[in-house]
Amino acid sequence: MDIDKTWLTKAIAIPELEKQLGFKFDALKNIGASSNRWLEVWSKFAKLHQAADELWLYAKPQPEESLEREEGVVLLRKGKIVSHVTTV
């Protein structure tokens, strides 16, 4: 799924993300294959992260009457979306 840059809502620092995840972001980079889908998705995302990259929260706009929503975290490198993780 493509994420539109207009969906980006707020830059998020790694310490703030770690509070939400309940896990150290750098520790995710050291996880190999896992049967835990959550760990595997976040590990792949964390391994792509480079020092100058930015992390942003995103929310896909939905009609008010819609029960479906999509939110997550985007990895932004030099203004381009490199990867994302859907959280909702």
C-alpha atoms as a PDB file:
ATOM      1  CA  MET A   1       0.000   0.000   0.000  1.00  0.00           C
ATOM      2  CA  ASP A   2       1.244   3.455  -0.874  1.00  0.00           C
ATOM      3  CA  ILE A   3       1.210   6.132   1.778  1.00  0.00           C
ATOM      4  CA  ASP A   4       0.493   9.687   0.668  1.00  0.00           C
ATOM      5  CA  LYS A   5       2.770  12.292   2.288  1.00  0.00           C
ATOM      6  CA  THR A   6      -0.322  14.414   3.011  1.00  0.00           C
ATOM      7  CA  TRP A   7      -1.318  11.725   5.549  1.00  0.00           C
ATOM      8  CA  LEU A   8       1.705  12.492   7.752  1.00  0.00           C
ATOM      9  CA  THR A   9       0.467  13.977  10.998  1.00  0.00           C
ATOM     10  CA  LYS A  10       3.380  14.343  13.406  1.00  0.00           C
ATOM     11  CA  ALA A  11       7.104  13.667  13.599  1.00  0.00           C
ATOM     12  CA  ILE A  12       7.891  11.210  16.356  1.00  0.00           C
ATOM     13  CA  ALA A  13      11.221  10.787  18.131  1.00  0.00           C
ATOM     14  CA  ILE A  14      12.560   7.313  18.820  1.00  0.00           C
ATOM     15  CA  PRO A  15      12.194   7.635  22.639  1.00  0.00           C
ATOM     16  CA  GLU A  16       8.516   8.528  22.217  1.00  0.00           C
ATOM     17  CA  LEU A  17       8.000   5.625  19.809  1.00  0.00           C
ATOM     18  CA  GLU A  18       9.727   3.276  22.264  1.00  0.00           C
ATOM     19  CA  LYS A  19       7.272   4.304  24.986  1.00  0.00           C
ATOM     20  CA  GLN A  20       4.383   3.449  22.691  1.00  0.00           C
ATOM     21  CA  LEU A  21       5.933   0.164  21.559  1.00  0.00           C
ATOM     22  CA  GLY A  22       7.177  -0.890  24.963  1.00  0.00           C
ATOM     23  CA  PHE A  23      10.374  -2.017  23.263  1.00  0.00           C
ATOM     24  CA  LYS A  24      13.764  -0.482  22.436  1.00  0.00           C
ATOM     25  CA  PHE A  25      13.870   0.480  18.748  1.00  0.00           C
ATOM     26  CA  ASP A  26      17.554  -0.429  18.308  1.00  0.00           C
ATOM     27  CA  ALA A  27      16.932  -3.836  19.903  1.00  0.00           C
ATOM     28  CA  LEU A  28      14.453  -4.556  17.105  1.00  0.00           C
ATOM     29  CA  LYS A  29      17.337  -4.330  14.616  1.00  0.00           C
ATOM     30  CA  ASN A  30      18.962  -7.396  16.212  1.00  0.00           C
ATOM     31  CA  ILE A  31      15.966  -9.707  15.922  1.00  0.00           C
ATOM     32  CA  GLY A  32      16.179 -12.408  13.288  1.00  0.00           C
ATOM     33  CA  ALA A  33      13.327 -14.456  11.885  1.00  0.00           C
ATOM     34  CA  SER A  34      10.491 -14.753  14.349  1.00  0.00           C
ATOM     35  CA  SER A  35       7.167 -16.538  14.557  1.00  0.00           C
ATOM     36  CA  ASN A  36       5.834 -13.364  16.189  1.00  0.00           C
ATOM     37  CA  ARG A  37       4.438 -11.303  13.303  1.00  0.00           C
ATOM     38  CA  TRP A  38       4.532  -8.057  15.324  1.00  0.00           C
ATOM     39  CA  LEU A  39       8.250  -8.484  16.075  1.00  0.00           C
ATOM     40  CA  GLU A  40       9.060  -9.454  12.508  1.00  0.00           C
ATOM     41  CA  VAL A  41       7.271  -6.438  10.979  1.00  0.00           C
ATOM     42  CA  TRP A  42       8.847  -3.971  13.406  1.00  0.00           C
ATOM     43  CA  SER A  43      12.268  -5.607  13.064  1.00  0.00           C
ATOM     44  CA  LYS A  44      12.236  -5.214   9.263  1.00  0.00           C
ATOM     45  CA  PHE A  45      11.153  -1.588   9.688  1.00  0.00           C
ATOM     46  CA  ALA A  46      13.856  -0.838  12.298  1.00  0.00           C
ATOM     47  CA  LYS A  47      16.595  -2.433  10.188  1.00  0.00           C
ATOM     48  CA  LEU A  48      15.845   0.064   7.397  1.00  0.00           C
ATOM     49  CA  HIS A  49      16.290   3.037   9.746  1.00  0.00           C
ATOM     50  CA  GLN A  50      19.406   5.163   9.238  1.00  0.00           C
ATOM     51  CA  ALA A  51      20.736   7.950  11.469  1.00  0.00           C
ATOM     52  CA  ALA A  52      19.389  10.883   9.400  1.00  0.00           C
ATOM     53  CA  ASP A  53      15.943   9.327   8.800  1.00  0.00           C
ATOM     54  CA  GLU A  54      12.774  10.763  10.289  1.00  0.00           C
ATOM     55  CA  LEU A  55       9.881   8.853  11.821  1.00  0.00           C
ATOM     56  CA  TRP A  56       6.380  10.226  11.314  1.00  0.00           C
ATOM     57  CA  LEU A  57       2.929   9.153  12.414  1.00  0.00           C
ATOM     58  CA  TYR A  58       0.363   8.937   9.652  1.00  0.00           C
ATOM     59  CA  ALA A  59      -3.396   8.656   9.422  1.00  0.00           C
ATOM     60  CA  LYS A  60      -5.244   7.834   6.226  1.00  0.00           C
ATOM     61  CA  PRO A  61      -8.240  10.151   5.795  1.00  0.00           C
ATOM     62  CA  GLN A  62     -11.582   8.354   5.999  1.00  0.00           C
ATOM     63  CA  PRO A  63     -15.164   9.512   5.606  1.00  0.00           C
ATOM     64  CA  GLU A  64     -16.685  10.217   9.024  1.00  0.00           C
ATOM     65  CA  GLU A  65     -19.254   7.447   8.632  1.00  0.00           C
ATOM     66  CA  SER A  66     -16.561   4.866   7.884  1.00  0.00           C
ATOM     67  CA  LEU A  67     -15.573   2.425  10.628  1.00  0.00           C
ATOM     68  CA  GLU A  68     -12.351   1.563   8.824  1.00  0.00           C
ATOM     69  CA  ARG A  69      -9.261   3.560   9.597  1.00  0.00           C
ATOM     70  CA  GLU A  70      -5.569   3.216   9.008  1.00  0.00           C
ATOM     71  CA  GLU A  71      -2.786   4.712  11.082  1.00  0.00           C
ATOM     72  CA  GLY A  72       0.853   3.914  11.527  1.00  0.00           C
ATOM     73  CA  VAL A  73       4.464   5.005  11.423  1.00  0.00           C
ATOM     74  CA  VAL A  74       6.421   6.072   8.344  1.00  0.00           C
ATOM     75  CA  LEU A  75      10.167   6.040   7.771  1.00  0.00           C
ATOM     76  CA  LEU A  76      11.080   9.193   5.855  1.00  0.00           C
ATOM     77  CA  ARG A  77      14.509   9.535   4.202  1.00  0.00           C
ATOM     78  CA  LYS A  78      15.444  12.781   2.460  1.00  0.00           C
ATOM     79  CA  GLY A  79      11.746  13.604   2.097  1.00  0.00           C
ATOM     80  CA  LYS A  80      10.805  10.224   0.585  1.00  0.00           C
ATOM     81  CA  ILE A  81       8.797   7.475   2.252  1.00  0.00           C
ATOM     82  CA  VAL A  82      11.015   4.401   2.535  1.00  0.00           C
ATOM     83  CA  SER A  83       8.767   2.134   4.582  1.00  0.00           C
ATOM     84  CA  HIS A  84       5.787   2.106   6.920  1.00  0.00           C
ATOM     85  CA  VAL A  85       4.177   0.015   9.614  1.00  0.00           C
ATOM     86  CA  THR A  86       0.410  -0.001  10.007  1.00  0.00           C
ATOM     87  CA  THR A  87      -0.600   0.082  13.662  1.00  0.00           C
ATOM     88  CA  VAL A  88      -4.393   0.553  13.391  1.00  0.00           C
END
